[in-house]
Protein backbone atom coordinates (compact mmCIF):
# COMPACT_ATOMS: atom_id res chain seq x y z
CA MET A 1 20.77 -90.41 -20.60
CA ASN A 2 21.21 -86.62 -20.60
CA ILE A 3 17.95 -84.72 -20.88
CA LEU A 4 18.38 -81.38 -22.70
CA ARG A 5 21.77 -80.35 -21.40
CA HIS A 6 23.13 -77.23 -23.10
CA SER A 7 26.79 -76.35 -23.39
CA SER A 8 27.95 -72.81 -22.71
CA TRP A 9 30.34 -72.97 -25.68
CA LYS A 10 28.29 -70.94 -28.13
CA SER A 11 30.69 -71.30 -31.06
CA LYS A 12 29.62 -74.89 -31.63
CA PRO A 13 26.55 -75.19 -33.84
CA ARG A 14 23.66 -76.47 -31.73
CA ILE A 15 21.55 -78.91 -33.72
CA ALA A 16 18.07 -80.12 -32.79
CA LEU A 17 17.17 -83.50 -34.31
CA THR A 18 13.56 -84.68 -34.45
CA ILE A 19 12.86 -88.40 -34.84
CA GLY A 20 9.86 -87.87 -37.11
CA ASP A 21 7.10 -90.46 -37.12
CA PRO A 22 8.09 -93.03 -34.46
CA ALA A 23 6.42 -95.79 -36.49
CA GLY A 24 8.83 -95.14 -39.37
CA ILE A 25 12.59 -95.30 -39.80
CA GLY A 26 13.29 -91.99 -38.06
CA THR A 27 14.68 -93.45 -34.83
CA GLU A 28 16.88 -95.85 -36.80
CA ILE A 29 18.42 -93.28 -39.14
CA ILE A 30 18.98 -90.81 -36.29
CA LEU A 31 20.79 -93.40 -34.15
CA LYS A 32 22.87 -94.59 -37.10
CA SER A 33 23.74 -91.00 -38.08
CA LEU A 34 24.87 -90.08 -34.56
CA ALA A 35 27.32 -92.97 -34.63
CA ASP A 36 28.96 -91.80 -37.86
CA HIS A 37 32.60 -90.90 -37.15
CA ASN A 38 32.89 -88.34 -39.93
CA LEU A 39 29.79 -86.55 -38.72
CA LEU A 40 30.87 -86.54 -35.08
CA ALA A 41 34.21 -85.08 -36.15
CA LEU A 42 32.38 -81.91 -37.26
CA ASP A 43 32.18 -80.90 -33.58
CA ALA A 44 28.60 -79.79 -33.09
CA GLU A 45 26.16 -80.22 -30.23
CA PHE A 46 23.20 -82.53 -30.83
CA THR A 47 19.91 -82.83 -28.97
CA VAL A 48 17.33 -85.40 -30.05
CA PHE A 49 13.64 -84.48 -29.77
CA GLY A 50 11.48 -87.56 -29.33
CA ASP A 51 10.20 -90.17 -26.95
CA CYS A 52 13.05 -91.96 -25.14
CA ARG A 53 11.00 -95.15 -25.17
CA TYR A 54 11.08 -95.45 -28.94
CA LEU A 55 14.76 -94.59 -29.18
CA LEU A 56 15.61 -97.26 -26.62
CA GLU A 57 13.33 -99.82 -28.26
CA THR A 58 14.91 -99.22 -31.66
CA TYR A 59 18.41 -99.39 -30.18
CA LYS A 60 17.71 -102.75 -28.53
CA LEU A 61 16.00 -104.08 -31.64
CA LEU A 62 18.93 -103.19 -33.88
CA LYS A 63 21.44 -104.60 -31.41
CA ASN A 64 19.58 -107.93 -31.38
CA LEU A 65 19.47 -108.29 -35.16
CA LYS A 66 22.03 -110.95 -36.10
CA ASP A 67 22.82 -109.49 -39.51
CA HIS A 68 23.05 -105.87 -38.36
CA HIS A 69 26.67 -104.71 -38.26
CA ARG A 70 26.42 -100.94 -38.59
CA ALA A 71 27.38 -98.76 -35.63
CA ILE A 72 24.48 -97.18 -33.76
CA ALA A 73 24.46 -94.56 -31.04
CA ASP A 74 23.37 -95.58 -27.55
CA PRO A 75 20.46 -93.34 -26.45
CA ASN A 76 21.84 -93.44 -22.90
CA HIS A 77 24.79 -91.39 -24.14
CA LEU A 78 22.76 -88.81 -26.06
CA GLU A 79 21.20 -85.52 -25.07
CA ILE A 80 17.46 -86.01 -25.44
CA MET A 81 14.42 -83.81 -25.04
CA ASP A 82 12.13 -86.58 -23.84
CA ILE A 83 8.63 -85.91 -25.18
CA CYS A 84 6.21 -88.56 -23.94
CA THR A 85 2.98 -89.05 -25.88
CA ASP A 86 -0.08 -91.21 -25.39
CA GLY A 87 -1.36 -94.13 -27.43
CA GLU A 88 -0.03 -97.34 -28.89
CA ILE A 89 2.54 -97.03 -31.63
CA SER A 90 3.97 -99.99 -33.53
CA LEU A 91 6.84 -99.92 -36.00
CA GLY A 92 5.57 -99.95 -39.56
CA VAL A 93 2.07 -98.73 -38.72
CA GLY A 94 1.51 -95.00 -39.03
CA ASN A 95 -1.66 -93.83 -37.31
CA ARG A 96 -3.25 -90.98 -35.39
CA GLU A 97 -1.03 -91.60 -32.36
CA SER A 98 2.20 -91.60 -34.37
CA GLY A 99 1.08 -88.45 -36.19
CA ALA A 100 0.36 -86.68 -32.90
CA ALA A 101 3.78 -87.74 -31.59
CA SER A 102 5.77 -86.55 -34.61
CA PHE A 103 3.90 -83.24 -34.57
CA ALA A 104 4.72 -82.78 -30.87
CA TYR A 105 8.43 -83.48 -31.45
CA LEU A 106 8.70 -80.88 -34.22
CA ASP A 107 6.59 -78.30 -32.40
CA ALA A 108 8.83 -78.55 -29.35
CA ALA A 109 12.00 -78.28 -31.45
CA ILE A 110 10.68 -75.16 -33.20
CA ALA A 111 9.75 -73.52 -29.90
CA GLN A 112 13.17 -74.17 -28.38
CA THR A 113 14.95 -72.96 -31.52
CA LEU A 114 12.95 -69.76 -31.68
CA LEU A 115 14.02 -69.14 -28.09
CA GLY A 116 17.62 -69.21 -29.31
CA LYS A 117 18.62 -72.54 -27.80
CA PHE A 118 19.45 -74.13 -31.16
CA ASP A 119 20.91 -72.92 -34.43
CA ALA A 120 19.34 -75.53 -36.69
CA ILE A 121 16.66 -78.21 -36.84
CA VAL A 122 17.11 -81.48 -38.73
CA THR A 123 13.80 -83.26 -39.21
CA ALA A 124 13.35 -86.97 -39.78
CA PRO A 125 10.39 -87.91 -42.04
CA ILE A 126 6.75 -87.67 -40.99
CA ALA A 127 3.57 -89.03 -42.58
CA LYS A 128 1.22 -86.24 -43.67
CA SER A 129 -1.74 -88.63 -43.50
CA ALA A 130 -0.94 -89.41 -39.86
CA TRP A 131 -0.76 -85.70 -39.07
CA LYS A 132 -4.21 -85.23 -40.58
CA GLN A 133 -5.56 -88.17 -38.56
CA ALA A 134 -4.24 -86.39 -35.47
CA GLY A 135 -6.01 -83.16 -36.46
CA HIS A 136 -3.00 -81.29 -37.86
CA ASP A 137 -3.88 -80.21 -41.40
CA TYR A 138 -0.56 -79.09 -42.89
CA ALA A 139 0.91 -79.86 -46.29
CA GLY A 140 4.09 -80.90 -44.50
CA GLN A 141 6.69 -79.98 -41.92
CA THR A 142 7.83 -76.98 -43.97
CA GLU A 143 4.48 -75.24 -43.58
CA LEU A 144 4.46 -75.73 -39.79
CA LEU A 145 7.99 -74.38 -39.53
CA ALA A 146 7.00 -71.29 -41.52
CA GLU A 147 3.79 -70.72 -39.55
CA ARG A 148 5.46 -70.97 -36.16
CA SER A 149 8.22 -68.63 -37.38
CA HIS A 150 5.64 -66.14 -38.72
CA ILE A 151 7.25 -66.36 -42.17
CA ASP A 152 5.37 -66.09 -45.48
CA ASP A 153 8.40 -65.94 -47.77
CA PHE A 154 10.01 -69.39 -47.73
CA GLY A 155 10.96 -72.15 -50.12
CA MET A 156 12.12 -75.75 -50.50
CA LEU A 157 15.72 -75.88 -51.69
CA PHE A 158 17.15 -79.31 -52.45
CA VAL A 159 20.91 -79.64 -52.05
CA GLY A 160 23.18 -82.51 -53.03
CA LYS A 161 26.98 -82.72 -53.10
CA SER A 162 28.51 -84.92 -55.76
CA PRO A 163 30.73 -87.72 -54.43
CA HIS A 164 32.57 -87.64 -57.77
CA THR A 165 33.43 -83.96 -58.17
CA ASP A 166 32.32 -82.19 -54.95
CA TRP A 167 30.13 -79.94 -57.09
CA VAL A 168 26.98 -78.86 -55.23
CA LEU A 169 23.58 -79.11 -56.88
CA ARG A 170 20.96 -76.69 -55.53
CA ALA A 171 17.40 -76.75 -56.87
CA LEU A 172 14.58 -74.50 -55.66
CA LEU A 173 10.94 -75.30 -56.43
CA ALA A 174 8.69 -72.38 -57.38
CA THR A 175 5.57 -74.44 -56.60
CA VAL A 176 5.54 -77.51 -54.41
CA HIS A 177 2.76 -79.88 -53.37
CA ILE A 178 -0.06 -78.90 -55.70
CA PRO A 179 -1.83 -80.76 -58.55
CA LEU A 180 -0.23 -80.31 -61.97
CA GLY A 181 -3.42 -78.62 -63.21
CA GLU A 182 -2.89 -75.85 -60.65
CA VAL A 183 0.71 -75.07 -61.58
CA THR A 184 0.11 -72.48 -64.30
CA LYS A 185 -2.57 -70.83 -62.15
CA GLN A 186 -0.09 -70.30 -59.32
CA LEU A 187 2.91 -69.37 -61.47
CA THR A 188 2.77 -65.58 -61.65
CA PRO A 189 5.39 -62.88 -62.19
CA GLU A 190 5.05 -61.96 -58.52
CA LEU A 191 5.71 -65.52 -57.37
CA ILE A 192 8.76 -66.04 -59.60
CA GLU A 193 10.28 -62.70 -58.60
CA GLN A 194 9.71 -63.61 -54.95
CA LYS A 195 11.42 -67.00 -55.42
CA LEU A 196 14.35 -65.48 -57.30
CA GLU A 197 14.92 -62.94 -54.54
CA LEU A 198 14.56 -65.63 -51.87
CA LEU A 199 17.10 -67.78 -53.71
CA ARG A 200 19.55 -64.88 -54.13
CA ARG A 201 19.39 -64.04 -50.43
CA SER A 202 19.83 -67.68 -49.42
CA LEU A 203 22.86 -68.16 -51.66
CA LEU A 204 24.43 -65.12 -49.99
CA GLN A 205 23.31 -65.70 -46.39
CA ASP A 206 23.47 -69.49 -46.19
CA PHE A 207 26.14 -70.43 -48.73
CA GLY A 208 28.33 -67.31 -48.86
CA ILE A 209 27.94 -66.88 -52.65
CA THR A 210 28.12 -63.16 -53.42
CA HIS A 211 27.87 -63.32 -57.24
CA PRO A 212 25.53 -66.24 -57.90
CA ARG A 213 24.85 -67.90 -61.23
CA ILE A 214 21.22 -69.03 -61.45
CA ALA A 215 19.61 -71.16 -64.15
CA ILE A 216 15.86 -70.81 -64.55
CA ALA A 217 13.63 -73.41 -66.20
CA GLY A 218 10.97 -72.64 -68.74
CA ILE A 219 7.38 -73.51 -67.97
CA ASN A 220 6.35 -75.06 -71.26
CA PRO A 221 8.05 -77.58 -73.58
CA HIS A 222 10.88 -75.86 -75.46
CA SER A 223 10.24 -72.85 -73.18
CA GLY A 224 7.14 -72.03 -75.21
CA GLU A 225 8.96 -71.86 -78.55
CA GLN A 226 8.19 -68.18 -79.12
CA GLY A 227 4.56 -68.60 -78.12
CA GLN A 228 3.86 -71.68 -80.22
CA LEU A 229 3.79 -74.05 -77.23
CA GLY A 230 2.80 -71.62 -74.50
CA ILE A 231 2.87 -67.88 -73.94
CA GLU A 232 4.10 -67.48 -70.35
CA GLU A 233 7.80 -67.28 -71.23
CA ARG A 234 7.23 -64.72 -73.97
CA ASP A 235 4.63 -62.61 -72.22
CA TRP A 236 6.03 -62.25 -68.70
CA LEU A 237 8.86 -64.61 -67.70
CA GLN A 238 11.51 -63.24 -70.08
CA PRO A 239 10.61 -59.59 -69.34
CA LEU A 240 10.78 -60.38 -65.60
CA ILE A 241 14.27 -61.86 -66.01
CA ASP A 242 15.42 -58.81 -67.97
CA ARG A 243 14.21 -56.48 -65.20
CA TYR A 244 15.79 -58.62 -62.50
CA ARG A 245 19.17 -58.49 -64.26
CA GLN A 246 19.05 -54.69 -64.27
CA GLN A 247 18.11 -54.57 -60.59
CA HIS A 248 20.77 -57.11 -59.54
CA PRO A 249 23.86 -56.78 -61.76
CA ASN A 250 25.83 -59.09 -59.43
CA VAL A 251 23.50 -61.99 -60.32
CA GLN A 252 24.02 -63.95 -63.53
CA ILE A 253 20.69 -65.44 -64.56
CA THR A 254 19.84 -67.40 -67.69
CA ASN A 255 16.94 -66.94 -70.05
CA PRO A 256 14.26 -69.63 -69.58
CA ILE A 257 15.95 -72.94 -70.42
CA PRO A 258 13.84 -75.69 -72.02
CA PRO A 259 13.07 -78.05 -69.12
CA ASP A 260 14.13 -81.17 -71.02
CA THR A 261 17.67 -79.85 -71.56
CA MET A 262 18.28 -77.75 -68.44
CA TRP A 263 19.58 -80.74 -66.50
CA VAL A 264 22.12 -81.96 -69.06
CA ASN A 265 24.97 -79.76 -67.81
CA PRO A 266 24.27 -80.49 -64.11
CA VAL A 267 24.68 -84.18 -64.89
CA LYS A 268 28.05 -83.46 -66.48
CA ALA A 269 29.13 -81.30 -63.51
CA TRP A 270 28.02 -84.05 -61.11
CA ARG A 271 29.99 -86.81 -62.83
CA ASP A 272 33.05 -85.21 -64.44
CA ARG A 273 35.60 -82.99 -62.66
CA ASP A 274 36.60 -81.45 -65.97
CA ARG A 275 33.03 -80.22 -66.50
CA VAL A 276 32.24 -78.78 -63.07
CA GLY A 277 32.31 -75.30 -64.63
CA LEU A 278 29.18 -76.19 -66.61
CA GLY A 279 27.13 -76.25 -63.43
CA TYR A 280 25.31 -73.22 -62.01
CA ASP A 281 25.12 -72.25 -58.34
CA ALA A 282 21.38 -72.89 -58.27
CA TYR A 283 18.45 -73.95 -60.45
CA LEU A 284 14.89 -72.65 -60.22
CA ALA A 285 12.32 -75.26 -61.27
CA MET A 286 8.73 -74.29 -61.92
CA TYR A 287 7.01 -77.26 -60.29
CA HIS A 288 7.62 -80.31 -58.10
CA ASP A 289 8.50 -83.06 -60.57
CA GLN A 290 10.36 -80.74 -62.94
CA GLY A 291 12.89 -80.18 -60.18
CA LEU A 292 12.81 -83.35 -58.13
CA ILE A 293 13.00 -86.02 -60.82
CA PRO A 294 16.52 -84.90 -61.87
CA VAL A 295 17.56 -84.24 -58.25
CA LYS A 296 16.57 -87.74 -57.17
CA LEU A 297 18.11 -89.35 -60.23
CA LEU A 298 21.44 -87.73 -59.43
CA ALA A 299 21.40 -87.65 -55.63
CA PHE A 300 18.68 -89.92 -54.28
CA ASP A 301 20.77 -91.07 -51.30
CA ARG A 302 22.54 -87.74 -50.79
CA ALA A 303 19.96 -85.02 -51.44
CA VAL A 304 18.91 -82.78 -48.58
CA ASN A 305 15.76 -80.68 -48.31
CA THR A 306 16.47 -77.33 -46.68
CA THR A 307 13.83 -74.70 -45.95
CA ILE A 308 15.15 -71.28 -46.91
CA GLY A 309 13.75 -68.03 -45.58
CA LEU A 310 13.46 -69.15 -41.95
CA PRO A 311 15.19 -67.34 -39.06
CA PHE A 312 17.15 -70.54 -38.41
CA VAL A 313 18.55 -73.41 -40.46
CA ARG A 314 16.31 -76.36 -41.25
CA THR A 315 17.31 -79.45 -43.21
CA SER A 316 15.75 -82.86 -43.78
CA PRO A 317 16.62 -86.10 -45.60
CA ASP A 318 14.96 -86.33 -48.99
CA HIS A 319 12.89 -89.48 -48.37
CA GLY A 320 9.82 -90.63 -46.48
CA THR A 321 8.97 -92.67 -43.40
CA ALA A 322 9.52 -96.04 -45.15
CA PHE A 323 7.02 -97.84 -42.92
CA ASP A 324 7.59 -101.02 -44.93
CA ILE A 325 11.18 -101.42 -43.68
CA ALA A 326 10.83 -99.91 -40.20
CA GLY A 327 12.52 -102.08 -37.58
CA LYS A 328 14.35 -104.27 -40.10
CA GLY A 329 17.71 -102.57 -39.64
CA ILE A 330 18.18 -101.85 -43.34
CA ALA A 331 17.32 -98.13 -43.45
CA ASP A 332 20.13 -96.13 -45.08
CA PRO A 333 21.15 -93.06 -43.02
CA ALA A 334 23.17 -91.47 -45.86
CA SER A 335 20.67 -88.71 -46.60
CA THR A 336 20.23 -87.96 -42.89
CA ILE A 337 23.99 -87.76 -42.39
CA GLU A 338 24.16 -85.34 -45.31
CA ALA A 339 21.27 -83.33 -43.83
CA ILE A 340 23.01 -83.01 -40.47
CA ALA A 341 26.34 -82.11 -42.08
CA LEU A 342 24.67 -79.44 -44.21
CA ALA A 343 22.84 -78.04 -41.18
CA ILE A 344 26.16 -77.67 -39.37
CA GLU A 345 27.76 -76.01 -42.40
CA LEU A 346 24.91 -73.55 -42.90
CA ALA A 347 24.75 -72.74 -39.18
CA GLN A 348 28.48 -71.99 -39.21
CA ILE A 349 28.09 -69.67 -42.22
CA ARG A 350 25.26 -67.83 -40.47
CA GLN A 351 27.38 -67.48 -37.34
CA LYS A 352 30.23 -65.98 -39.36
CA ASN A 353 27.86 -63.59 -41.17
CA ALA A 354 26.38 -62.51 -37.83
CA LYS A 355 29.84 -61.49 -36.59
CA LYS A 356 30.54 -59.24 -39.59
């Protein structure tokens, strides 16, 4: 087992992988992902942040399952930042100890990345309730990443690549983990302009798109229908869009699209090669379910959560800890594989931009 060995070949993207909550499926999906031949062919350097004990236990458990036939990486052949934590942790049971452990893994990965030792962090799922039991009151991993990076301007961008057409769906959430009753209180012209600018910069910096096409959702049914079903679109959202177009002529941005029809063309672009042109480069959704219901319907096993606005790349699979199936060998690593592949791609784009 190699403990935090760094290569001197700086051109390879250096990826830090956290195992998330050790009581969940994080160790399983990380070990399965690091045995994927297509992923390993991308030629990056990987370091796993977690407790070696749990990685070895999961490896042995999966090897001993009679009906488990998927390839898994041997922890003895991986580079690991071994972070030992106290307490008893059992697969399938998230608790204070597992929350403290997953927090420690991520905190260490952030610190090492901010020191320049890694280009990207890929985070396996954590349980927010376990973090709170351990005394860490954060809405999620995204907020800790932003705080440690001293960043206020950040966002959750969900990315999924269609297996049918190779078209890429990108959806940014204007508001995230808040009650529905709070959405219209938090949606302000300042917030939407901030998110639009954050999205524009990310499309340029992270994806290399110099003339982006952005679709923006309305807030109300039928986008307010000229004030009959809500006044936000009429009073400030449309004027904001008009001003933004004048300030950024290289950005093509739609008027507020009724939320119930905005996702029709993305579905066509996802499924039909002849209709890829109907898709936009990115979609701005006003609140959590408005953006994530369509994303998960289209790309549940392929969607990746990436935090934009950070000084480094961060991606994560778009699912939870799945305590109910931990240790059973049936966890699907597809989203984690996609998250790692996207982290490598984005890190490479940033490296190229840095050389210009």
